[in-house]
Amino acid sequence: MRKVRVVGFSAVLGAGKLALTEGQAIPRVEAGLLAPTTREGIYEVTGPVEFKCGETFGYDGDFSPVLLEDIAPLKVADQVEADAAAAAKAVTDARITELEALGDAITEDELAELNNLLSE
């Protein structure tokens, strides 16, 4: 069973076994999309099960090329998220440095407006 995280908008699984938390499993079992197995926390997919971006779960099934666009092994997903956060911080820091270098070339109101845009 491989730990994966949804990195696309969502991922839909139609077969395989899943390791889920109780919170993830209960609504899907009640909807008839999962069947409990003899192992606690492990469920057999019986219907299309959708996961939203950011959800983490164990998966024992086939990884189709389409599915690989939407999910990633947990370690890879963690690294991608860390790299994206570092890149965003570097861009923000560089922009702030540029604004600070402008100094008197822009008004305080313009600087405040630009800083507000950067913080959104």
PDB file of N, CA and C in Angstrom:
ATOM      1  N   MET A   1       0.849  -1.167   0.000  1.00  0.00           N
ATOM      2  CA  MET A   1       0.000   0.000   0.000  1.00  0.00           C
ATOM      3  C   MET A   1       0.900   1.236   0.000  1.00  0.00           C
ATOM      4  N   ARG A   2       0.694   2.099  -0.968  1.00  0.00           N
ATOM      5  CA  ARG A   2       1.500   3.311  -1.085  1.00  0.00           C
ATOM      6  C   ARG A   2       0.732   4.518  -0.570  1.00  0.00           C
ATOM      7  N   LYS A   3       1.388   5.353   0.236  1.00  0.00           N
ATOM      8  CA  LYS A   3       0.778   6.593   0.715  1.00  0.00           C
ATOM      9  C   LYS A   3       0.871   7.617  -0.402  1.00  0.00           C
ATOM     10  N   VAL A   4      -0.271   8.216  -0.747  1.00  0.00           N
ATOM     11  CA  VAL A   4      -0.323   9.199  -1.823  1.00  0.00           C
ATOM     12  C   VAL A   4      -1.108  10.424  -1.377  1.00  0.00           C
ATOM     13  N   ARG A   5      -0.912  11.517  -2.109  1.00  0.00           N
ATOM     14  CA  ARG A   5      -1.676  12.742  -1.868  1.00  0.00           C
ATOM     15  C   ARG A   5      -2.211  13.229  -3.202  1.00  0.00           C
ATOM     16  N   VAL A   6      -3.427  13.751  -3.185  1.00  0.00           N
ATOM     17  CA  VAL A   6      -4.013  14.323  -4.391  1.00  0.00           C
ATOM     18  C   VAL A   6      -3.352  15.674  -4.636  1.00  0.00           C
ATOM     19  N   VAL A   7      -2.743  15.828  -5.800  1.00  0.00           N
ATOM     20  CA  VAL A   7      -2.065  17.065  -6.153  1.00  0.00           C
ATOM     21  C   VAL A   7      -2.797  17.810  -7.261  1.00  0.00           C
ATOM     22  N   GLY A   8      -3.742  17.150  -7.916  1.00  0.00           N
ATOM     23  CA  GLY A   8      -4.583  17.811  -8.903  1.00  0.00           C
ATOM     24  C   GLY A   8      -5.813  18.376  -8.207  1.00  0.00           C
ATOM     25  N   PHE A   9      -6.764  18.861  -8.988  1.00  0.00           N
ATOM     26  CA  PHE A   9      -7.997  19.395  -8.408  1.00  0.00           C
ATOM     27  C   PHE A   9      -8.727  18.310  -7.626  1.00  0.00           C
ATOM     28  N   SER A  10      -8.780  17.130  -8.206  1.00  0.00           N
ATOM     29  CA  SER A  10      -9.381  15.975  -7.533  1.00  0.00           C
ATOM     30  C   SER A  10      -8.889  14.713  -8.228  1.00  0.00           C
ATOM     31  N   ALA A  11      -9.146  13.569  -7.592  1.00  0.00           N
ATOM     32  CA  ALA A  11      -8.784  12.280  -8.183  1.00  0.00           C
ATOM     33  C   ALA A  11      -9.932  11.318  -7.952  1.00  0.00           C
ATOM     34  N   VAL A  12     -10.242  10.543  -8.955  1.00  0.00           N
ATOM     35  CA  VAL A  12     -11.326   9.557  -8.860  1.00  0.00           C
ATOM     36  C   VAL A  12     -10.720   8.175  -9.061  1.00  0.00           C
ATOM     37  N   LEU A  13     -10.970   7.302  -8.084  1.00  0.00           N
ATOM     38  CA  LEU A  13     -10.479   5.925  -8.143  1.00  0.00           C
ATOM     39  C   LEU A  13     -11.663   4.993  -8.323  1.00  0.00           C
ATOM     40  N   GLY A  14     -11.543   4.058  -9.245  1.00  0.00           N
ATOM     41  CA  GLY A  14     -12.639   3.145  -9.516  1.00  0.00           C
ATOM     42  C   GLY A  14     -12.384   1.719  -9.094  1.00  0.00           C
ATOM     43  N   ALA A  15     -11.169   1.435  -8.627  1.00  0.00           N
ATOM     44  CA  ALA A  15     -10.827   0.068  -8.231  1.00  0.00           C
ATOM     45  C   ALA A  15      -9.636   0.111  -7.286  1.00  0.00           C
ATOM     46  N   GLY A  16      -9.424  -0.991  -6.587  1.00  0.00           N
ATOM     47  CA  GLY A  16      -8.285  -1.103  -5.696  1.00  0.00           C
ATOM     48  C   GLY A  16      -8.693  -1.085  -4.236  1.00  0.00           C
ATOM     49  N   LYS A  17      -7.687  -1.065  -3.389  1.00  0.00           N
ATOM     50  CA  LYS A  17      -7.915  -0.991  -1.945  1.00  0.00           C
ATOM     51  C   LYS A  17      -7.352   0.317  -1.433  1.00  0.00           C
ATOM     52  N   LEU A  18      -8.015   0.866  -0.411  1.00  0.00           N
ATOM     53  CA  LEU A  18      -7.624   2.142   0.162  1.00  0.00           C
ATOM     54  C   LEU A  18      -7.434   2.025   1.655  1.00  0.00           C
ATOM     55  N   ALA A  19      -6.429   2.719   2.177  1.00  0.00           N
ATOM     56  CA  ALA A  19      -6.255   2.869   3.617  1.00  0.00           C
ATOM     57  C   ALA A  19      -6.712   4.284   3.943  1.00  0.00           C
ATOM     58  N   LEU A  20      -7.788   4.377   4.730  1.00  0.00           N
ATOM     59  CA  LEU A  20      -8.409   5.674   5.009  1.00  0.00           C
ATOM     60  C   LEU A  20      -8.580   5.892   6.502  1.00  0.00           C
ATOM     61  N   THR A  21      -8.683   7.167   6.864  1.00  0.00           N
ATOM     62  CA  THR A  21      -9.059   7.488   8.233  1.00  0.00           C
ATOM     63  C   THR A  21     -10.552   7.233   8.362  1.00  0.00           C
ATOM     64  N   GLU A  22     -11.022   7.162   9.576  1.00  0.00           N
ATOM     65  CA  GLU A  22     -12.455   6.957   9.806  1.00  0.00           C
ATOM     66  C   GLU A  22     -13.269   8.083   9.180  1.00  0.00           C
ATOM     67  N   GLY A  23     -12.766   9.316   9.310  1.00  0.00           N
ATOM     68  CA  GLY A  23     -13.460  10.471   8.737  1.00  0.00           C
ATOM     69  C   GLY A  23     -13.565  10.411   7.224  1.00  0.00           C
ATOM     70  N   GLN A  24     -12.548   9.865   6.574  1.00  0.00           N
ATOM     71  CA  GLN A  24     -12.586   9.722   5.124  1.00  0.00           C
ATOM     72  C   GLN A  24     -13.508   8.579   4.706  1.00  0.00           C
ATOM     73  N   ALA A  25     -13.511   7.508   5.496  1.00  0.00           N
ATOM     74  CA  ALA A  25     -14.215   6.290   5.096  1.00  0.00           C
ATOM     75  C   ALA A  25     -15.722   6.339   5.319  1.00  0.00           C
ATOM     76  N   ILE A  26     -16.168   6.824   6.458  1.00  0.00           N
ATOM     77  CA  ILE A  26     -17.587   6.717   6.822  1.00  0.00           C
ATOM     78  C   ILE A  26     -18.531   7.239   5.741  1.00  0.00           C
ATOM     79  N   PRO A  27     -18.366   8.478   5.240  1.00  0.00           N
ATOM     80  CA  PRO A  27     -19.328   8.934   4.218  1.00  0.00           C
ATOM     81  C   PRO A  27     -19.282   8.114   2.938  1.00  0.00           C
ATOM     82  N   ARG A  28     -18.119   7.597   2.603  1.00  0.00           N
ATOM     83  CA  ARG A  28     -17.977   6.827   1.372  1.00  0.00           C
ATOM     84  C   ARG A  28     -18.549   5.412   1.534  1.00  0.00           C
ATOM     85  N   VAL A  29     -18.410   4.846   2.722  1.00  0.00           N
ATOM     86  CA  VAL A  29     -19.028   3.541   3.004  1.00  0.00           C
ATOM     87  C   VAL A  29     -20.543   3.697   2.995  1.00  0.00           C
ATOM     88  N   GLU A  30     -21.033   4.747   3.662  1.00  0.00           N
ATOM     89  CA  GLU A  30     -22.482   4.983   3.707  1.00  0.00           C
ATOM     90  C   GLU A  30     -23.066   5.223   2.319  1.00  0.00           C
ATOM     91  N   ALA A  31     -22.265   5.800   1.413  1.00  0.00           N
ATOM     92  CA  ALA A  31     -22.716   6.040   0.041  1.00  0.00           C
ATOM     93  C   ALA A  31     -22.602   4.792  -0.829  1.00  0.00           C
ATOM     94  N   GLY A  32     -22.040   3.707  -0.276  1.00  0.00           N
ATOM     95  CA  GLY A  32     -21.908   2.462  -1.028  1.00  0.00           C
ATOM     96  C   GLY A  32     -20.722   2.426  -1.973  1.00  0.00           C
ATOM     97  N   LEU A  33     -19.774   3.342  -1.778  1.00  0.00           N
ATOM     98  CA  LEU A  33     -18.618   3.404  -2.670  1.00  0.00           C
ATOM     99  C   LEU A  33     -17.444   2.566  -2.182  1.00  0.00           C
ATOM    100  N   LEU A  34     -17.478   2.178  -0.906  1.00  0.00           N
ATOM    101  CA  LEU A  34     -16.419   1.374  -0.306  1.00  0.00           C
ATOM    102  C   LEU A  34     -17.018   0.235   0.495  1.00  0.00           C
ATOM    103  N   ALA A  35     -16.285  -0.872   0.554  1.00  0.00           N
ATOM    104  CA  ALA A  35     -16.679  -2.003   1.401  1.00  0.00           C
ATOM    105  C   ALA A  35     -15.522  -2.286   2.361  1.00  0.00           C
ATOM    106  N   PRO A  36     -15.818  -2.388   3.654  1.00  0.00           N
ATOM    107  CA  PRO A  36     -14.756  -2.706   4.604  1.00  0.00           C
ATOM    108  C   PRO A  36     -14.163  -4.082   4.302  1.00  0.00           C
ATOM    109  N   THR A  37     -12.882  -4.250   4.590  1.00  0.00           N
ATOM    110  CA  THR A  37     -12.224  -5.547   4.450  1.00  0.00           C
ATOM    111  C   THR A  37     -12.008  -6.114   5.853  1.00  0.00           C
ATOM    112  N   THR A  38     -11.331  -7.225   5.928  1.00  0.00           N
ATOM    113  CA  THR A  38     -11.066  -7.827   7.239  1.00  0.00           C
ATOM    114  C   THR A  38      -9.986  -7.069   8.009  1.00  0.00           C
ATOM    115  N   ARG A  39      -9.249  -6.206   7.332  1.00  0.00           N
ATOM    116  CA  ARG A  39      -8.212  -5.411   7.989  1.00  0.00           C
ATOM    117  C   ARG A  39      -8.778  -4.035   8.345  1.00  0.00           C
ATOM    118  N   GLU A  40      -8.545  -3.606   9.574  1.00  0.00           N
ATOM    119  CA  GLU A  40      -9.065  -2.324  10.051  1.00  0.00           C
ATOM    120  C   GLU A  40      -8.463  -1.163   9.252  1.00  0.00           C
ATOM    121  N   GLY A  41      -9.321  -0.269   8.812  1.00  0.00           N
ATOM    122  CA  GLY A  41      -8.877   0.909   8.070  1.00  0.00           C
ATOM    123  C   GLY A  41      -8.630   0.677   6.598  1.00  0.00           C
ATOM    124  N   ILE A  42      -8.838  -0.551   6.119  1.00  0.00           N
ATOM    125  CA  ILE A  42      -8.627  -0.882   4.704  1.00  0.00           C
ATOM    126  C   ILE A  42      -9.991  -1.145   4.070  1.00  0.00           C
ATOM    127  N   TYR A  43     -10.213  -0.551   2.898  1.00  0.00           N
ATOM    128  CA  TYR A  43     -11.511  -0.636   2.225  1.00  0.00           C
ATOM    129  C   TYR A  43     -11.310  -1.003   0.766  1.00  0.00           C
ATOM    130  N   GLU A  44     -12.247  -1.778   0.237  1.00  0.00           N
ATOM    131  CA  GLU A  44     -12.266  -2.162  -1.176  1.00  0.00           C
ATOM    132  C   GLU A  44     -13.151  -1.155  -1.906  1.00  0.00           C
ATOM    133  N   VAL A  45     -12.654  -0.626  -3.007  1.00  0.00           N
ATOM    134  CA  VAL A  45     -13.427   0.326  -3.803  1.00  0.00           C
ATOM    135  C   VAL A  45     -14.525  -0.440  -4.545  1.00  0.00           C
ATOM    136  N   THR A  46     -15.777  -0.005  -4.377  1.00  0.00           N
ATOM    137  CA  THR A  46     -16.919  -0.646  -5.045  1.00  0.00           C
ATOM    138  C   THR A  46     -17.621   0.303  -6.018  1.00  0.00           C
ATOM    139  N   GLY A  47     -17.230   1.543  -6.007  1.00  0.00           N
ATOM    140  CA  GLY A  47     -17.793   2.551  -6.899  1.00  0.00           C
ATOM    141  C   GLY A  47     -16.793   3.682  -7.026  1.00  0.00           C
ATOM    142  N   PRO A  48     -17.016   4.621  -7.927  1.00  0.00           N
ATOM    143  CA  PRO A  48     -16.049   5.704  -8.115  1.00  0.00           C
ATOM    144  C   PRO A  48     -15.912   6.559  -6.845  1.00  0.00           C
ATOM    145  N   VAL A  49     -14.708   6.594  -6.307  1.00  0.00           N
ATOM    146  CA  VAL A  49     -14.431   7.332  -5.077  1.00  0.00           C
ATOM    147  C   VAL A  49     -13.609   8.564  -5.436  1.00  0.00           C
ATOM    148  N   GLU A  50     -14.108   9.735  -5.059  1.00  0.00           N
ATOM    149  CA  GLU A  50     -13.420  10.987  -5.375  1.00  0.00           C
ATOM    150  C   GLU A  50     -12.727  11.545  -4.135  1.00  0.00           C
ATOM    151  N   PHE A  51     -11.521  12.048  -4.347  1.00  0.00           N
ATOM    152  CA  PHE A  51     -10.754  12.710  -3.303  1.00  0.00           C
ATOM    153  C   PHE A  51     -10.415  14.107  -3.787  1.00  0.00           C
ATOM    154  N   LYS A  52     -10.469  15.079  -2.882  1.00  0.00           N
ATOM    155  CA  LYS A  52     -10.165  16.453  -3.267  1.00  0.00           C
ATOM    156  C   LYS A  52      -8.670  16.734  -3.100  1.00  0.00           C
ATOM    157  N   CYS A  53      -8.231  17.818  -3.678  1.00  0.00           N
ATOM    158  CA  CYS A  53      -6.827  18.217  -3.617  1.00  0.00           C
ATOM    159  C   CYS A  53      -6.370  18.303  -2.164  1.00  0.00           C
ATOM    160  N   GLY A  54      -5.217  17.703  -1.900  1.00  0.00           N
ATOM    161  CA  GLY A  54      -4.635  17.746  -0.567  1.00  0.00           C
ATOM    162  C   GLY A  54      -4.928  16.530   0.280  1.00  0.00           C
ATOM    163  N   GLU A  55      -5.936  15.725  -0.086  1.00  0.00           N
ATOM    164  CA  GLU A  55      -6.248  14.536   0.711  1.00  0.00           C
ATOM    165  C   GLU A  55      -5.127  13.503   0.568  1.00  0.00           C
ATOM    166  N   THR A  56      -4.814  12.861   1.680  1.00  0.00           N
ATOM    167  CA  THR A  56      -3.779  11.834   1.741  1.00  0.00           C
ATOM    168  C   THR A  56      -4.423  10.514   2.127  1.00  0.00           C
ATOM    169  N   PHE A  57      -3.977   9.435   1.483  1.00  0.00           N
ATOM    170  CA  PHE A  57      -4.534   8.117   1.769  1.00  0.00           C
ATOM    171  C   PHE A  57      -3.581   7.051   1.256  1.00  0.00           C
ATOM    172  N   GLY A  58      -3.791   5.823   1.685  1.00  0.00           N
ATOM    173  CA  GLY A  58      -3.035   4.694   1.177  1.00  0.00           C
ATOM    174  C   GLY A  58      -3.769   4.106  -0.017  1.00  0.00           C
ATOM    175  N   TYR A  59      -3.022   3.683  -1.045  1.00  0.00           N
ATOM    176  CA  TYR A  59      -3.656   3.142  -2.250  1.00  0.00           C
ATOM    177  C   TYR A  59      -2.910   1.907  -2.717  1.00  0.00           C
ATOM    178  N   ASP A  60      -3.672   0.847  -2.936  1.00  0.00           N
ATOM    179  CA  ASP A  60      -3.130  -0.388  -3.477  1.00  0.00           C
ATOM    180  C   ASP A  60      -3.959  -0.707  -4.712  1.00  0.00           C
ATOM    181  N   GLY A  61      -3.495  -0.225  -5.829  1.00  0.00           N
ATOM    182  CA  GLY A  61      -4.215  -0.420  -7.086  1.00  0.00           C
ATOM    183  C   GLY A  61      -3.345   0.044  -8.234  1.00  0.00           C
ATOM    184  N   ASP A  62      -3.904   0.007  -9.438  1.00  0.00           N
ATOM    185  CA  ASP A  62      -3.160   0.402 -10.625  1.00  0.00           C
ATOM    186  C   ASP A  62      -3.087   1.919 -10.731  1.00  0.00           C
ATOM    187  N   PHE A  63      -1.924   2.405 -11.123  1.00  0.00           N
ATOM    188  CA  PHE A  63      -1.717   3.828 -11.369  1.00  0.00           C
ATOM    189  C   PHE A  63      -1.748   4.067 -12.868  1.00  0.00           C
ATOM    190  N   SER A  64      -2.901   4.478 -13.378  1.00  0.00           N
ATOM    191  CA  SER A  64      -3.006   4.773 -14.808  1.00  0.00           C
ATOM    192  C   SER A  64      -2.306   6.109 -15.081  1.00  0.00           C
ATOM    193  N   PRO A  65      -1.941   6.361 -16.342  1.00  0.00           N
ATOM    194  CA  PRO A  65      -1.314   7.651 -16.669  1.00  0.00           C
ATOM    195  C   PRO A  65      -2.199   8.841 -16.280  1.00  0.00           C
ATOM    196  N   VAL A  66      -3.501   8.705 -16.444  1.00  0.00           N
ATOM    197  CA  VAL A  66      -4.418   9.787 -16.076  1.00  0.00           C
ATOM    198  C   VAL A  66      -4.401   9.997 -14.562  1.00  0.00           C
ATOM    199  N   LEU A  67      -4.419   8.920 -13.806  1.00  0.00           N
ATOM    200  CA  LEU A  67      -4.403   9.015 -12.346  1.00  0.00           C
ATOM    201  C   LEU A  67      -3.105   9.647 -11.857  1.00  0.00           C
ATOM    202  N   LEU A  68      -1.992   9.349 -12.514  1.00  0.00           N
ATOM    203  CA  LEU A  68      -0.702   9.898 -12.104  1.00  0.00           C
ATOM    204  C   LEU A  68      -0.614  11.407 -12.289  1.00  0.00           C
ATOM    205  N   GLU A  69      -1.526  11.982 -13.077  1.00  0.00           N
ATOM    206  CA  GLU A  69      -1.579  13.439 -13.206  1.00  0.00           C
ATOM    207  C   GLU A  69      -2.185  14.071 -11.957  1.00  0.00           C
ATOM    208  N   ASP A  70      -2.975  13.303 -11.206  1.00  0.00           N
ATOM    209  CA  ASP A  70      -3.727  13.853 -10.084  1.00  0.00           C
ATOM    210  C   ASP A  70      -3.233  13.437  -8.704  1.00  0.00           C
ATOM    211  N   ILE A  71      -2.442  12.366  -8.623  1.00  0.00           N
ATOM    212  CA  ILE A  71      -1.923  11.942  -7.323  1.00  0.00           C
ATOM    213  C   ILE A  71      -0.415  11.754  -7.409  1.00  0.00           C
ATOM    214  N   ALA A  72       0.236  11.858  -6.263  1.00  0.00           N
ATOM    215  CA  ALA A  72       1.692  11.672  -6.207  1.00  0.00           C
ATOM    216  C   ALA A  72       2.034  10.958  -4.910  1.00  0.00           C
ATOM    217  N   PRO A  73       3.120  10.169  -4.923  1.00  0.00           N
ATOM    218  CA  PRO A  73       3.564   9.569  -3.669  1.00  0.00           C
ATOM    219  C   PRO A  73       3.772  10.665  -2.629  1.00  0.00           C
ATOM    220  N   LEU A  74       3.489  10.367  -1.387  1.00  0.00           N
ATOM    221  CA  LEU A  74       3.508  11.362  -0.316  1.00  0.00           C
ATOM    222  C   LEU A  74       4.825  12.122  -0.251  1.00  0.00           C
ATOM    223  N   LYS A  75       5.956  11.434  -0.335  1.00  0.00           N
ATOM    224  CA  LYS A  75       7.255  12.113  -0.262  1.00  0.00           C
ATOM    225  C   LYS A  75       7.438  13.088  -1.423  1.00  0.00           C
ATOM    226  N   VAL A  76       7.008  12.689  -2.613  1.00  0.00           N
ATOM    227  CA  VAL A  76       7.126  13.566  -3.783  1.00  0.00           C
ATOM    228  C   VAL A  76       6.217  14.778  -3.614  1.00  0.00           C
ATOM    229  N   ALA A  77       4.987  14.559  -3.164  1.00  0.00           N
ATOM    230  CA  ALA A  77       4.038  15.659  -2.965  1.00  0.00           C
ATOM    231  C   ALA A  77       4.570  16.646  -1.935  1.00  0.00           C
ATOM    232  N   ASP A  78       5.141  16.143  -0.843  1.00  0.00           N
ATOM    233  CA  ASP A  78       5.718  17.020   0.183  1.00  0.00           C
ATOM    234  C   ASP A  78       6.841  17.872  -0.403  1.00  0.00           C
ATOM    235  N   GLN A  79       7.696  17.271  -1.222  1.00  0.00           N
ATOM    236  CA  GLN A  79       8.810  18.012  -1.812  1.00  0.00           C
ATOM    237  C   GLN A  79       8.318  19.057  -2.805  1.00  0.00           C
ATOM    238  N   VAL A  80       7.319  18.709  -3.616  1.00  0.00           N
ATOM    239  CA  VAL A  80       6.759  19.658  -4.581  1.00  0.00           C
ATOM    240  C   VAL A  80       6.157  20.855  -3.851  1.00  0.00           C
ATOM    241  N   GLU A  81       5.421  20.597  -2.777  1.00  0.00           N
ATOM    242  CA  GLU A  81       4.820  21.686  -2.001  1.00  0.00           C
ATOM    243  C   GLU A  81       5.895  22.565  -1.361  1.00  0.00           C
ATOM    244  N   ALA A  82       6.944  21.954  -0.825  1.00  0.00           N
ATOM    245  CA  ALA A  82       8.030  22.721  -0.215  1.00  0.00           C
ATOM    246  C   ALA A  82       8.753  23.567  -1.263  1.00  0.00           C
ATOM    247  N   ASP A  83       8.995  22.994  -2.441  1.00  0.00           N
ATOM    248  CA  ASP A  83       9.655  23.737  -3.522  1.00  0.00           C
ATOM    249  C   ASP A  83       8.796  24.912  -3.982  1.00  0.00           C
ATOM    250  N   ALA A  84       7.492  24.700  -4.109  1.00  0.00           N
ATOM    251  CA  ALA A  84       6.586  25.768  -4.537  1.00  0.00           C
ATOM    252  C   ALA A  84       6.543  26.894  -3.505  1.00  0.00           C
ATOM    253  N   ALA A  85       6.497  26.541  -2.227  1.00  0.00           N
ATOM    254  CA  ALA A  85       6.483  27.548  -1.171  1.00  0.00           C
ATOM    255  C   ALA A  85       7.785  28.343  -1.176  1.00  0.00           C
ATOM    256  N   ALA A  86       8.922  27.657  -1.354  1.00  0.00           N
ATOM    257  CA  ALA A  86      10.214  28.338  -1.390  1.00  0.00           C
ATOM    258  C   ALA A  86      10.306  29.275  -2.596  1.00  0.00           C
ATOM    259  N   ALA A  87       9.794  28.829  -3.739  1.00  0.00           N
ATOM    260  CA  ALA A  87       9.821  29.671  -4.938  1.00  0.00           C
ATOM    261  C   ALA A  87       8.940  30.902  -4.758  1.00  0.00           C
ATOM    262  N   ALA A  88       7.760  30.721  -4.182  1.00  0.00           N
ATOM    263  CA  ALA A  88       6.863  31.853  -3.936  1.00  0.00           C
ATOM    264  C   ALA A  88       7.495  32.851  -2.978  1.00  0.00           C
ATOM    265  N   LYS A  89       8.152  32.353  -1.941  1.00  0.00           N
ATOM    266  CA  LYS A  89       8.815  33.233  -0.974  1.00  0.00           C
ATOM    267  C   LYS A  89       9.951  33.993  -1.639  1.00  0.00           C
ATOM    268  N   ALA A  90      10.719  33.317  -2.498  1.00  0.00           N
ATOM    269  CA  ALA A  90      11.829  33.976  -3.190  1.00  0.00           C
ATOM    270  C   ALA A  90      11.323  35.100  -4.094  1.00  0.00           C
ATOM    271  N   VAL A  91      10.223  34.867  -4.802  1.00  0.00           N
ATOM    272  CA  VAL A  91       9.644  35.896  -5.675  1.00  0.00           C
ATOM    273  C   VAL A  91       9.162  37.074  -4.840  1.00  0.00           C
ATOM    274  N   THR A  92       8.470  36.793  -3.750  1.00  0.00           N
ATOM    275  CA  THR A  92       7.971  37.858  -2.880  1.00  0.00           C
ATOM    276  C   THR A  92       9.123  38.652  -2.282  1.00  0.00           C
ATOM    277  N   ASP A  93      10.150  37.966  -1.789  1.00  0.00           N
ATOM    278  CA  ASP A  93      11.304  38.641  -1.202  1.00  0.00           C
ATOM    279  C   ASP A  93      12.016  39.524  -2.233  1.00  0.00           C
ATOM    280  N   ALA A  94      12.159  39.021  -3.459  1.00  0.00           N
ATOM    281  CA  ALA A  94      12.813  39.791  -4.512  1.00  0.00           C
ATOM    282  C   ALA A  94      12.005  41.046  -4.845  1.00  0.00           C
ATOM    283  N   ARG A  95      10.702  40.893  -4.892  1.00  0.00           N
ATOM    284  CA  ARG A  95       9.834  42.043  -5.201  1.00  0.00           C
ATOM    285  C   ARG A  95       9.890  43.076  -4.089  1.00  0.00           C
ATOM    286  N   ILE A  96       9.895  42.624  -2.847  1.00  0.00           N
ATOM    287  CA  ILE A  96       9.992  43.549  -1.717  1.00  0.00           C
ATOM    288  C   ILE A  96      11.328  44.292  -1.766  1.00  0.00           C
ATOM    289  N   THR A  97      12.406  43.588  -2.091  1.00  0.00           N
ATOM    290  CA  THR A  97      13.722  44.219  -2.211  1.00  0.00           C
ATOM    291  C   THR A  97      13.705  45.280  -3.303  1.00  0.00           C
ATOM    292  N   GLU A  98      13.051  44.977  -4.419  1.00  0.00           N
ATOM    293  CA  GLU A  98      12.931  45.959  -5.508  1.00  0.00           C
ATOM    294  C   GLU A  98      12.170  47.191  -5.033  1.00  0.00           C
ATOM    295  N   LEU A  99      11.077  46.969  -4.320  1.00  0.00           N
ATOM    296  CA  LEU A  99      10.271  48.091  -3.837  1.00  0.00           C
ATOM    297  C   LEU A  99      11.047  48.941  -2.842  1.00  0.00           C
ATOM    298  N   GLU A 100      11.781  48.270  -1.961  1.00  0.00           N
ATOM    299  CA  GLU A 100      12.580  49.010  -0.984  1.00  0.00           C
ATOM    300  C   GLU A 100      13.668  49.819  -1.671  1.00  0.00           C
ATOM    301  N   ALA A 101      14.244  49.295  -2.774  1.00  0.00           N
ATOM    302  CA  ALA A 101      15.295  49.997  -3.508  1.00  0.00           C
ATOM    303  C   ALA A 101      14.741  51.240  -4.195  1.00  0.00           C
ATOM    304  N   LEU A 102      13.469  51.218  -4.538  1.00  0.00           N
ATOM    305  CA  LEU A 102      12.855  52.383  -5.172  1.00  0.00           C
ATOM    306  C   LEU A 102      12.805  53.574  -4.211  1.00  0.00           C
ATOM    307  N   GLY A 103      12.639  53.237  -2.925  1.00  0.00           N
ATOM    308  CA  GLY A 103      12.650  54.272  -1.892  1.00  0.00           C
ATOM    309  C   GLY A 103      11.719  55.418  -2.186  1.00  0.00           C
ATOM    310  N   ASP A 104      12.295  56.591  -2.406  1.00  0.00           N
ATOM    311  CA  ASP A 104      11.517  57.816  -2.603  1.00  0.00           C
ATOM    312  C   ASP A 104      10.914  57.915  -3.995  1.00  0.00           C
ATOM    313  N   ALA A 105      11.225  56.979  -4.877  1.00  0.00           N
ATOM    314  CA  ALA A 105      10.716  57.050  -6.244  1.00  0.00           C
ATOM    315  C   ALA A 105       9.216  56.807  -6.313  1.00  0.00           C
ATOM    316  N   ILE A 106       8.635  56.191  -5.270  1.00  0.00           N
ATOM    317  CA  ILE A 106       7.191  56.008  -5.228  1.00  0.00           C
ATOM    318  C   ILE A 106       6.668  56.552  -3.896  1.00  0.00           C
ATOM    319  N   THR A 107       5.391  56.871  -3.881  1.00  0.00           N
ATOM    320  CA  THR A 107       4.800  57.409  -2.659  1.00  0.00           C
ATOM    321  C   THR A 107       4.521  56.293  -1.667  1.00  0.00           C
ATOM    322  N   GLU A 108       4.307  56.672  -0.420  1.00  0.00           N
ATOM    323  CA  GLU A 108       3.993  55.673   0.602  1.00  0.00           C
ATOM    324  C   GLU A 108       2.690  54.954   0.278  1.00  0.00           C
ATOM    325  N   ASP A 109       1.712  55.676  -0.269  1.00  0.00           N
ATOM    326  CA  ASP A 109       0.440  55.048  -0.641  1.00  0.00           C
ATOM    327  C   ASP A 109       0.640  54.004  -1.728  1.00  0.00           C
ATOM    328  N   GLU A 110       1.471  54.312  -2.730  1.00  0.00           N
ATOM    329  CA  GLU A 110       1.742  53.351  -3.794  1.00  0.00           C
ATOM    330  C   GLU A 110       2.460  52.121  -3.238  1.00  0.00           C
ATOM    331  N   LEU A 111       3.413  52.347  -2.330  1.00  0.00           N
ATOM    332  CA  LEU A 111       4.129  51.238  -1.714  1.00  0.00           C
ATOM    333  C   LEU A 111       3.185  50.360  -0.899  1.00  0.00           C
ATOM    334  N   ALA A 112       2.284  50.974  -0.149  1.00  0.00           N
ATOM    335  CA  ALA A 112       1.311  50.216   0.645  1.00  0.00           C
ATOM    336  C   ALA A 112       0.405  49.396  -0.270  1.00  0.00           C
ATOM    337  N   GLU A 113      -0.034  49.994  -1.365  1.00  0.00           N
ATOM    338  CA  GLU A 113      -0.902  49.279  -2.308  1.00  0.00           C
ATOM    339  C   GLU A 113      -0.175  48.087  -2.928  1.00  0.00           C
ATOM    340  N   LEU A 114       1.081  48.278  -3.311  1.00  0.00           N
ATOM    341  CA  LEU A 114       1.861  47.182  -3.876  1.00  0.00           C
ATOM    342  C   LEU A 114       2.094  46.076  -2.846  1.00  0.00           C
ATOM    343  N   ASN A 115       2.384  46.453  -1.617  1.00  0.00           N
ATOM    344  CA  ASN A 115       2.572  45.449  -0.564  1.00  0.00           C
ATOM    345  C   ASN A 115       1.283  44.687  -0.312  1.00  0.00           C
ATOM    346  N   ASN A 116       0.137  45.358  -0.375  1.00  0.00           N
ATOM    347  CA  ASN A 116      -1.152  44.665  -0.215  1.00  0.00           C
ATOM    348  C   ASN A 116      -1.370  43.670  -1.346  1.00  0.00           C
ATOM    349  N   LEU A 117      -1.022  44.059  -2.548  1.00  0.00           N
ATOM    350  CA  LEU A 117      -1.168  43.128  -3.691  1.00  0.00           C
ATOM    351  C   LEU A 117      -0.265  41.922  -3.523  1.00  0.00           C
ATOM    352  N   LEU A 118       0.955  42.133  -3.027  1.00  0.00           N
ATOM    353  CA  LEU A 118       1.888  41.026  -2.845  1.00  0.00           C
ATOM    354  C   LEU A 118       1.441  40.081  -1.744  1.00  0.00           C
ATOM    355  N   SER A 119       0.738  40.585  -0.766  1.00  0.00           N
ATOM    356  CA  SER A 119       0.340  39.735   0.356  1.00  0.00           C
ATOM    357  C   SER A 119      -0.916  38.924   0.064  1.00  0.00           C
ATOM    358  N   GLU A 120      -1.588  39.190  -1.040  1.00  0.00           N
ATOM    359  CA  GLU A 120      -2.817  38.442  -1.369  1.00  0.00           C
ATOM    360  C   GLU A 120      -2.497  37.110  -1.982  1.00  0.00           C
TER     361      GLU A 120
END
